Amino acid sequence: MRKGIKPFANESDCLQIGGITIENRVDRVSIFGSVDITRDKEGLAVARELKTILDLTLAELERAELPDKVTLKPAKTVKNPFK
């Protein structure tokens, strides 16, 4: 497995597995995109990578004291510093 992420540890880690992007945040892990898990050794490697990330995320959630629901803050619009 390539360098992974520690779920919920920071606001900067990002990992790409095929066409899937996994972004780390302190209040969520975002997974988006698409990947084919083919019936071959490459597909097995992809499936294992995804499982590892999900297992790490699940372990972090299970050991934490969780609220019923996290309220996500809306994104802020900032002035373009290059204009």
Foldseek 3Di string as FASTA:
>chain_A
DPDDDQALPDQADWDDQAQWIWGHHNQDIDIDGDDDQDPDPSSVVSVVVVVVNVVSVVVVVVVDDDDPDDDDDDDDDDDDPVD
